[in-house]
Every structure is written in structure tokens, then in C-alpha cells.
Amino acid sequence: MIPLSIFLAIWGILVIGFGILALITQAMSLRFSISGSITIVSNIAFISVALLVLAGTGLYILSVDWTQTVSLIPTTLPIGIIK
């Protein structure tokens, strides 16, 4: 039995990695792209969508009971498989 909090920790590590890569991408976009309004609008759109998705996921995470456990390998077979 694996507690769901393990999956939350893995998700948190992945979000941190996404954040670091997104910051690097945005910095490179602002530094090396053609300076103009399209660059700024596309960066704002990217950051807005990322924050919207993270906020929605965060709201969902608040509603989950993290004390539950998950069995990745079932210990019993469903009825009807063995005849």
C-alpha cells in the first residue's frame, strides 16, 4: 500500500521542474527574441495559462484526502476470473 502523499510529493517535484524550465524559457524568449509587442503578449499568455492550470490543479488537490492508500498490485483477484 502506497500513501497518496507520495504521489503529491512526486507531483510537487515535477511542478518545481516545470517552473524552472518555464522561467528559463521566458528569460530566453525575452532576451533573444525580436523585441516587440507580440513577444510580450505571447509571454504573458504563456504565464497566464500556466498559472491558470496550476491554480485549477491546486484547488483540486485541496479536495483530495491524502491519508488514503493505493494498492498498485492487487492482493485478490476479482470474482469470475478463475473458473
PDB file of N, CA and C in Angstrom:
ATOM      1  N   MET A   1       0.833  -1.170   0.000  1.00  0.00           N
ATOM      2  CA  MET A   1       0.000   0.000   0.000  1.00  0.00           C
ATOM      3  C   MET A   1       0.892   1.253   0.000  1.00  0.00           C
ATOM      4  N   ILE A   2       0.603   2.107  -0.941  1.00  0.00           N
ATOM      5  CA  ILE A   2       1.380   3.342  -1.084  1.00  0.00           C
ATOM      6  C   ILE A   2       0.483   4.516  -0.707  1.00  0.00           C
ATOM      7  N   PRO A   3       0.925   5.367   0.230  1.00  0.00           N
ATOM      8  CA  PRO A   3       0.099   6.526   0.582  1.00  0.00           C
ATOM      9  C   PRO A   3       0.049   7.531  -0.572  1.00  0.00           C
ATOM     10  N   LEU A   4      -1.088   8.197  -0.710  1.00  0.00           N
ATOM     11  CA  LEU A   4      -1.250   9.184  -1.773  1.00  0.00           C
ATOM     12  C   LEU A   4      -0.294  10.365  -1.616  1.00  0.00           C
ATOM     13  N   SER A   5       0.177  10.600  -0.405  1.00  0.00           N
ATOM     14  CA  SER A   5       1.091  11.726  -0.191  1.00  0.00           C
ATOM     15  C   SER A   5       2.402  11.540  -0.959  1.00  0.00           C
ATOM     16  N   ILE A   6       2.767  10.302  -1.262  1.00  0.00           N
ATOM     17  CA  ILE A   6       3.958  10.053  -2.084  1.00  0.00           C
ATOM     18  C   ILE A   6       3.739  10.618  -3.485  1.00  0.00           C
ATOM     19  N   PHE A   7       2.542  10.397  -4.023  1.00  0.00           N
ATOM     20  CA  PHE A   7       2.227  10.945  -5.350  1.00  0.00           C
ATOM     21  C   PHE A   7       2.199  12.472  -5.326  1.00  0.00           C
ATOM     22  N   LEU A   8       1.760  13.053  -4.207  1.00  0.00           N
ATOM     23  CA  LEU A   8       1.760  14.506  -4.072  1.00  0.00           C
ATOM     24  C   LEU A   8       3.190  15.045  -4.080  1.00  0.00           C
ATOM     25  N   ALA A   9       4.095  14.356  -3.411  1.00  0.00           N
ATOM     26  CA  ALA A   9       5.498  14.785  -3.398  1.00  0.00           C
ATOM     27  C   ALA A   9       6.102  14.686  -4.799  1.00  0.00           C
ATOM     28  N   ILE A  10       5.814  13.617  -5.515  1.00  0.00           N
ATOM     29  CA  ILE A  10       6.322  13.468  -6.883  1.00  0.00           C
ATOM     30  C   ILE A  10       5.762  14.584  -7.768  1.00  0.00           C
ATOM     31  N   TRP A  11       4.473  14.878  -7.617  1.00  0.00           N
ATOM     32  CA  TRP A  11       3.850  15.951  -8.391  1.00  0.00           C
ATOM     33  C   TRP A  11       4.510  17.286  -8.074  1.00  0.00           C
ATOM     34  N   GLY A  12       4.797  17.519  -6.798  1.00  0.00           N
ATOM     35  CA  GLY A  12       5.450  18.772  -6.399  1.00  0.00           C
ATOM     36  C   GLY A  12       6.823  18.927  -7.039  1.00  0.00           C
ATOM     37  N   ILE A  13       7.580  17.845  -7.100  1.00  0.00           N
ATOM     38  CA  ILE A  13       8.899  17.886  -7.732  1.00  0.00           C
ATOM     39  C   ILE A  13       8.764  18.193  -9.216  1.00  0.00           C
ATOM     40  N   LEU A  14       7.782  17.593  -9.868  1.00  0.00           N
ATOM     41  CA  LEU A  14       7.559  17.857 -11.293  1.00  0.00           C
ATOM     42  C   LEU A  14       7.128  19.309 -11.530  1.00  0.00           C
ATOM     43  N   VAL A  15       6.321  19.861 -10.645  1.00  0.00           N
ATOM     44  CA  VAL A  15       5.890  21.259 -10.787  1.00  0.00           C
ATOM     45  C   VAL A  15       7.076  22.201 -10.615  1.00  0.00           C
ATOM     46  N   ILE A  16       7.947  21.903  -9.674  1.00  0.00           N
ATOM     47  CA  ILE A  16       9.147  22.726  -9.493  1.00  0.00           C
ATOM     48  C   ILE A  16      10.013  22.673 -10.753  1.00  0.00           C
ATOM     49  N   GLY A  17      10.173  21.481 -11.325  1.00  0.00           N
ATOM     50  CA  GLY A  17      10.929  21.352 -12.572  1.00  0.00           C
ATOM     51  C   GLY A  17      10.287  22.135 -13.701  1.00  0.00           C
ATOM     52  N   PHE A  18       8.947  22.065 -13.807  1.00  0.00           N
ATOM     53  CA  PHE A  18       8.236  22.845 -14.821  1.00  0.00           C
ATOM     54  C   PHE A  18       8.463  24.330 -14.614  1.00  0.00           C
ATOM     55  N   GLY A  19       8.397  24.776 -13.375  1.00  0.00           N
ATOM     56  CA  GLY A  19       8.593  26.198 -13.079  1.00  0.00           C
ATOM     57  C   GLY A  19       9.975  26.683 -13.480  1.00  0.00           C
ATOM     58  N   ILE A  20      10.984  25.890 -13.184  1.00  0.00           N
ATOM     59  CA  ILE A  20      12.359  26.267 -13.546  1.00  0.00           C
ATOM     60  C   ILE A  20      12.512  26.332 -15.061  1.00  0.00           C
ATOM     61  N   LEU A  21      12.007  25.317 -15.759  1.00  0.00           N
ATOM     62  CA  LEU A  21      12.106  25.325 -17.218  1.00  0.00           C
ATOM     63  C   LEU A  21      11.292  26.460 -17.842  1.00  0.00           C
ATOM     64  N   ALA A  22      10.138  26.762 -17.274  1.00  0.00           N
ATOM     65  CA  ALA A  22       9.323  27.864 -17.793  1.00  0.00           C
ATOM     66  C   ALA A  22      10.034  29.200 -17.603  1.00  0.00           C
ATOM     67  N   LEU A  23      10.663  29.389 -16.453  1.00  0.00           N
ATOM     68  CA  LEU A  23      11.399  30.640 -16.225  1.00  0.00           C
ATOM     69  C   LEU A  23      12.571  30.780 -17.190  1.00  0.00           C
ATOM     70  N   ILE A  24      13.280  29.694 -17.425  1.00  0.00           N
ATOM     71  CA  ILE A  24      14.395  29.732 -18.375  1.00  0.00           C
ATOM     72  C   ILE A  24      13.879  30.052 -19.776  1.00  0.00           C
ATOM     73  N   THR A  25      12.771  29.420 -20.165  1.00  0.00           N
ATOM     74  CA  THR A  25      12.196  29.660 -21.484  1.00  0.00           C
ATOM     75  C   THR A  25      11.767  31.117 -21.642  1.00  0.00           C
ATOM     76  N   GLN A  26      11.114  31.645 -20.634  1.00  0.00           N
ATOM     77  CA  GLN A  26      10.655  33.033 -20.714  1.00  0.00           C
ATOM     78  C   GLN A  26      11.830  34.007 -20.739  1.00  0.00           C
ATOM     79  N   ALA A  27      12.855  33.726 -19.953  1.00  0.00           N
ATOM     80  CA  ALA A  27      14.033  34.602 -19.954  1.00  0.00           C
ATOM     81  C   ALA A  27      14.725  34.591 -21.312  1.00  0.00           C
ATOM     82  N   MET A  28      14.855  33.414 -21.907  1.00  0.00           N
ATOM     83  CA  MET A  28      15.492  33.337 -23.228  1.00  0.00           C
ATOM     84  C   MET A  28      14.622  34.003 -24.296  1.00  0.00           C
ATOM     85  N   SER A  29      13.316  33.848 -24.161  1.00  0.00           N
ATOM     86  CA  SER A  29      12.409  34.477 -25.119  1.00  0.00           C
ATOM     87  C   SER A  29      12.508  35.997 -25.051  1.00  0.00           C
ATOM     88  N   LEU A  30      12.544  36.535 -23.861  1.00  0.00           N
ATOM     89  CA  LEU A  30      12.636  37.993 -23.727  1.00  0.00           C
ATOM     90  C   LEU A  30      14.009  38.525 -24.115  1.00  0.00           C
ATOM     91  N   ARG A  31      15.049  37.742 -23.870  1.00  0.00           N
ATOM     92  CA  ARG A  31      16.404  38.220 -24.138  1.00  0.00           C
ATOM     93  C   ARG A  31      16.781  38.119 -25.615  1.00  0.00           C
ATOM     94  N   PHE A  32      16.428  37.015 -26.265  1.00  0.00           N
ATOM     95  CA  PHE A  32      16.959  36.769 -27.603  1.00  0.00           C
ATOM     96  C   PHE A  32      15.918  36.887 -28.728  1.00  0.00           C
ATOM     97  N   SER A  33      14.660  37.165 -28.405  1.00  0.00           N
ATOM     98  CA  SER A  33      13.673  37.284 -29.477  1.00  0.00           C
ATOM     99  C   SER A  33      13.637  38.710 -30.009  1.00  0.00           C
ATOM    100  N   ILE A  34      12.918  38.868 -31.097  1.00  0.00           N
ATOM    101  CA  ILE A  34      12.746  40.207 -31.652  1.00  0.00           C
ATOM    102  C   ILE A  34      11.872  40.987 -30.688  1.00  0.00           C
ATOM    103  N   SER A  35      12.359  42.123 -30.251  1.00  0.00           N
ATOM    104  CA  SER A  35      11.635  42.920 -29.277  1.00  0.00           C
ATOM    105  C   SER A  35      10.396  43.518 -29.920  1.00  0.00           C
ATOM    106  N   GLY A  36       9.277  43.246 -29.335  1.00  0.00           N
ATOM    107  CA  GLY A  36       8.033  43.781 -29.869  1.00  0.00           C
ATOM    108  C   GLY A  36       6.856  43.378 -29.009  1.00  0.00           C
ATOM    109  N   SER A  37       5.695  43.848 -29.412  1.00  0.00           N
ATOM    110  CA  SER A  37       4.505  43.589 -28.607  1.00  0.00           C
ATOM    111  C   SER A  37       4.076  42.124 -28.665  1.00  0.00           C
ATOM    112  N   ILE A  38       4.334  41.458 -29.788  1.00  0.00           N
ATOM    113  CA  ILE A  38       3.961  40.042 -29.903  1.00  0.00           C
ATOM    114  C   ILE A  38       4.746  39.200 -28.901  1.00  0.00           C
ATOM    115  N   THR A  39       6.002  39.511 -28.715  1.00  0.00           N
ATOM    116  CA  THR A  39       6.829  38.777 -27.750  1.00  0.00           C
ATOM    117  C   THR A  39       6.262  38.916 -26.347  1.00  0.00           C
ATOM    118  N   ILE A  40       5.918  40.120 -25.973  1.00  0.00           N
ATOM    119  CA  ILE A  40       5.402  40.356 -24.621  1.00  0.00           C
ATOM    120  C   ILE A  40       4.031  39.706 -24.461  1.00  0.00           C
ATOM    121  N   VAL A  41       3.182  39.810 -25.462  1.00  0.00           N
ATOM    122  CA  VAL A  41       1.847  39.210 -25.381  1.00  0.00           C
ATOM    123  C   VAL A  41       1.945  37.689 -25.291  1.00  0.00           C
ATOM    124  N   SER A  42       2.826  37.084 -26.076  1.00  0.00           N
ATOM    125  CA  SER A  42       2.952  35.628 -26.025  1.00  0.00           C
ATOM    126  C   SER A  42       3.520  35.162 -24.682  1.00  0.00           C
ATOM    127  N   ASN A  43       4.441  35.922 -24.111  1.00  0.00           N
ATOM    128  CA  ASN A  43       4.973  35.564 -22.790  1.00  0.00           C
ATOM    129  C   ASN A  43       3.904  35.697 -21.709  1.00  0.00           C
ATOM    130  N   ILE A  44       3.114  36.760 -21.779  1.00  0.00           N
ATOM    131  CA  ILE A  44       2.039  36.936 -20.804  1.00  0.00           C
ATOM    132  C   ILE A  44       0.999  35.829 -20.956  1.00  0.00           C
ATOM    133  N   ALA A  45       0.679  35.450 -22.191  1.00  0.00           N
ATOM    134  CA  ALA A  45      -0.283  34.366 -22.425  1.00  0.00           C
ATOM    135  C   ALA A  45       0.238  33.046 -21.859  1.00  0.00           C
ATOM    136  N   PHE A  46       1.510  32.754 -22.091  1.00  0.00           N
ATOM    137  CA  PHE A  46       2.103  31.515 -21.586  1.00  0.00           C
ATOM    138  C   PHE A  46       2.051  31.472 -20.063  1.00  0.00           C
ATOM    139  N   ILE A  47       2.443  32.550 -19.432  1.00  0.00           N
ATOM    140  CA  ILE A  47       2.455  32.595 -17.968  1.00  0.00           C
ATOM    141  C   ILE A  47       1.035  32.530 -17.422  1.00  0.00           C
ATOM    142  N   SER A  48       0.093  33.200 -18.075  1.00  0.00           N
ATOM    143  CA  SER A  48      -1.299  33.189 -17.615  1.00  0.00           C
ATOM    144  C   SER A  48      -1.904  31.792 -17.688  1.00  0.00           C
ATOM    145  N   VAL A  49      -1.694  31.107 -18.788  1.00  0.00           N
ATOM    146  CA  VAL A  49      -2.235  29.746 -18.938  1.00  0.00           C
ATOM    147  C   VAL A  49      -1.587  28.802 -17.926  1.00  0.00           C
ATOM    148  N   ALA A  50      -0.286  28.919 -17.739  1.00  0.00           N
ATOM    149  CA  ALA A  50       0.399  28.061 -16.767  1.00  0.00           C
ATOM    150  C   ALA A  50      -0.131  28.305 -15.356  1.00  0.00           C
ATOM    151  N   LEU A  51      -0.324  29.563 -14.983  1.00  0.00           N
ATOM    152  CA  LEU A  51      -0.842  29.871 -13.653  1.00  0.00           C
ATOM    153  C   LEU A  51      -2.287  29.407 -13.497  1.00  0.00           C
ATOM    154  N   LEU A  52      -3.079  29.515 -14.550  1.00  0.00           N
ATOM    155  CA  LEU A  52      -4.462  29.057 -14.507  1.00  0.00           C
ATOM    156  C   LEU A  52      -4.529  27.543 -14.304  1.00  0.00           C
ATOM    157  N   VAL A  53      -3.709  26.807 -15.025  1.00  0.00           N
ATOM    158  CA  VAL A  53      -3.679  25.346 -14.879  1.00  0.00           C
ATOM    159  C   VAL A  53      -3.191  24.954 -13.487  1.00  0.00           C
ATOM    160  N   LEU A  54      -2.141  25.602 -13.002  1.00  0.00           N
ATOM    161  CA  LEU A  54      -1.628  25.287 -11.667  1.00  0.00           C
ATOM    162  C   LEU A  54      -2.644  25.633 -10.580  1.00  0.00           C
ATOM    163  N   ALA A  55      -3.361  26.740 -10.746  1.00  0.00           N
ATOM    164  CA  ALA A  55      -4.381  27.113  -9.759  1.00  0.00           C
ATOM    165  C   ALA A  55      -5.521  26.101  -9.754  1.00  0.00           C
ATOM    166  N   GLY A  56      -5.973  25.677 -10.927  1.00  0.00           N
ATOM    167  CA  GLY A  56      -7.026  24.671 -11.001  1.00  0.00           C
ATOM    168  C   GLY A  56      -6.600  23.353 -10.383  1.00  0.00           C
ATOM    169  N   THR A  57      -5.374  22.964 -10.654  1.00  0.00           N
ATOM    170  CA  THR A  57      -4.850  21.726 -10.069  1.00  0.00           C
ATOM    171  C   THR A  57      -4.724  21.866  -8.553  1.00  0.00           C
ATOM    172  N   GLY A  58      -4.288  23.028  -8.107  1.00  0.00           N
ATOM    173  CA  GLY A  58      -4.172  23.276  -6.668  1.00  0.00           C
ATOM    174  C   GLY A  58      -5.518  23.194  -5.965  1.00  0.00           C
ATOM    175  N   LEU A  59      -6.568  23.742  -6.590  1.00  0.00           N
ATOM    176  CA  LEU A  59      -7.909  23.652  -6.000  1.00  0.00           C
ATOM    177  C   LEU A  59      -8.375  22.200  -5.914  1.00  0.00           C
ATOM    178  N   TYR A  60      -8.060  21.422  -6.935  1.00  0.00           N
ATOM    179  CA  TYR A  60      -8.426  20.005  -6.903  1.00  0.00           C
ATOM    180  C   TYR A  60      -7.652  19.279  -5.796  1.00  0.00           C
ATOM    181  N   ILE A  61      -6.373  19.595  -5.664  1.00  0.00           N
ATOM    182  CA  ILE A  61      -5.531  18.935  -4.656  1.00  0.00           C
ATOM    183  C   ILE A  61      -6.051  19.200  -3.246  1.00  0.00           C
ATOM    184  N   LEU A  62      -6.627  20.379  -3.024  1.00  0.00           N
ATOM    185  CA  LEU A  62      -7.163  20.698  -1.697  1.00  0.00           C
ATOM    186  C   LEU A  62      -8.354  19.810  -1.332  1.00  0.00           C
ATOM    187  N   SER A  63      -9.036  19.259  -2.338  1.00  0.00           N
ATOM    188  CA  SER A  63     -10.222  18.446  -2.059  1.00  0.00           C
ATOM    189  C   SER A  63      -9.912  16.958  -1.918  1.00  0.00           C
ATOM    190  N   VAL A  64      -8.675  16.546  -2.104  1.00  0.00           N
ATOM    191  CA  VAL A  64      -8.306  15.123  -2.048  1.00  0.00           C
ATOM    192  C   VAL A  64      -7.921  14.740  -0.620  1.00  0.00           C
ATOM    193  N   ASP A  65      -8.350  13.557  -0.193  1.00  0.00           N
ATOM    194  CA  ASP A  65      -7.966  13.006   1.106  1.00  0.00           C
ATOM    195  C   ASP A  65      -6.615  12.303   0.950  1.00  0.00           C
ATOM    196  N   TRP A  66      -5.568  12.943   1.400  1.00  0.00           N
ATOM    197  CA  TRP A  66      -4.209  12.432   1.184  1.00  0.00           C
ATOM    198  C   TRP A  66      -3.810  11.345   2.176  1.00  0.00           C
ATOM    199  N   THR A  67      -4.711  10.962   3.090  1.00  0.00           N
ATOM    200  CA  THR A  67      -4.396   9.882   4.033  1.00  0.00           C
ATOM    201  C   THR A  67      -4.737   8.516   3.457  1.00  0.00           C
ATOM    202  N   GLN A  68      -5.433   8.479   2.324  1.00  0.00           N
ATOM    203  CA  GLN A  68      -5.788   7.206   1.695  1.00  0.00           C
ATOM    204  C   GLN A  68      -4.536   6.522   1.138  1.00  0.00           C
ATOM    205  N   THR A  69      -4.640   5.232   0.938  1.00  0.00           N
ATOM    206  CA  THR A  69      -3.542   4.466   0.348  1.00  0.00           C
ATOM    207  C   THR A  69      -4.004   3.832  -0.952  1.00  0.00           C
ATOM    208  N   VAL A  70      -3.043   3.513  -1.809  1.00  0.00           N
ATOM    209  CA  VAL A  70      -3.322   2.911  -3.101  1.00  0.00           C
ATOM    210  C   VAL A  70      -2.556   1.600  -3.190  1.00  0.00           C
ATOM    211  N   SER A  71      -3.235   0.568  -3.656  1.00  0.00           N
ATOM    212  CA  SER A  71      -2.591  -0.715  -3.870  1.00  0.00           C
ATOM    213  C   SER A  71      -2.306  -0.849  -5.362  1.00  0.00           C
ATOM    214  N   LEU A  72      -1.046  -0.794  -5.740  1.00  0.00           N
ATOM    215  CA  LEU A  72      -0.678  -0.898  -7.149  1.00  0.00           C
ATOM    216  C   LEU A  72      -0.741  -2.335  -7.647  1.00  0.00           C
ATOM    217  N   ILE A  73      -0.520  -3.286  -6.760  1.00  0.00           N
ATOM    218  CA  ILE A  73      -0.607  -4.710  -7.110  1.00  0.00           C
ATOM    219  C   ILE A  73      -1.741  -5.297  -6.279  1.00  0.00           C
ATOM    220  N   PRO A  74      -2.847  -5.683  -6.934  1.00  0.00           N
ATOM    221  CA  PRO A  74      -3.974  -6.204  -6.167  1.00  0.00           C
ATOM    222  C   PRO A  74      -3.602  -7.503  -5.451  1.00  0.00           C
ATOM    223  N   THR A  75      -4.125  -7.660  -4.242  1.00  0.00           N
ATOM    224  CA  THR A  75      -3.815  -8.868  -3.470  1.00  0.00           C
ATOM    225  C   THR A  75      -4.845  -9.965  -3.716  1.00  0.00           C
ATOM    226  N   THR A  76      -5.999  -9.613  -4.254  1.00  0.00           N
ATOM    227  CA  THR A  76      -7.020 -10.618  -4.573  1.00  0.00           C
ATOM    228  C   THR A  76      -7.471 -10.423  -6.008  1.00  0.00           C
ATOM    229  N   LEU A  77      -7.944 -11.499  -6.615  1.00  0.00           N
ATOM    230  CA  LEU A  77      -8.459 -11.419  -7.963  1.00  0.00           C
ATOM    231  C   LEU A  77      -9.960 -11.170  -7.921  1.00  0.00           C
ATOM    232  N   PRO A  78     -10.476 -10.438  -8.897  1.00  0.00           N
ATOM    233  CA  PRO A  78     -11.932 -10.229  -8.928  1.00  0.00           C
ATOM    234  C   PRO A  78     -12.657 -11.561  -9.130  1.00  0.00           C
ATOM    235  N   ILE A  79     -13.868 -11.648  -8.616  1.00  0.00           N
ATOM    236  CA  ILE A  79     -14.675 -12.866  -8.765  1.00  0.00           C
ATOM    237  C   ILE A  79     -15.007 -13.078 -10.228  1.00  0.00           C
ATOM    238  N   GLY A  80     -14.854 -14.283 -10.700  1.00  0.00           N
ATOM    239  CA  GLY A  80     -15.191 -14.606 -12.073  1.00  0.00           C
ATOM    240  C   GLY A  80     -13.984 -14.782 -12.981  1.00  0.00           C
ATOM    241  N   ILE A  81     -12.790 -14.425 -12.535  1.00  0.00           N
ATOM    242  CA  ILE A  81     -11.607 -14.596 -13.368  1.00  0.00           C
ATOM    243  C   ILE A  81     -11.182 -16.060 -13.348  1.00  0.00           C
ATOM    244  N   ILE A  82     -11.217 -16.686 -12.175  1.00  0.00           N
ATOM    245  CA  ILE A  82     -10.820 -18.096 -12.043  1.00  0.00           C
ATOM    246  C   ILE A  82     -12.088 -18.937 -12.073  1.00  0.00           C
ATOM    247  N   LYS A  83     -12.148 -19.869 -13.003  1.00  0.00           N
ATOM    248  CA  LYS A  83     -13.348 -20.734 -13.108  1.00  0.00           C
ATOM    249  C   LYS A  83     -13.023 -22.131 -12.641  1.00  0.00           C
TER     250      LYS A  83
END
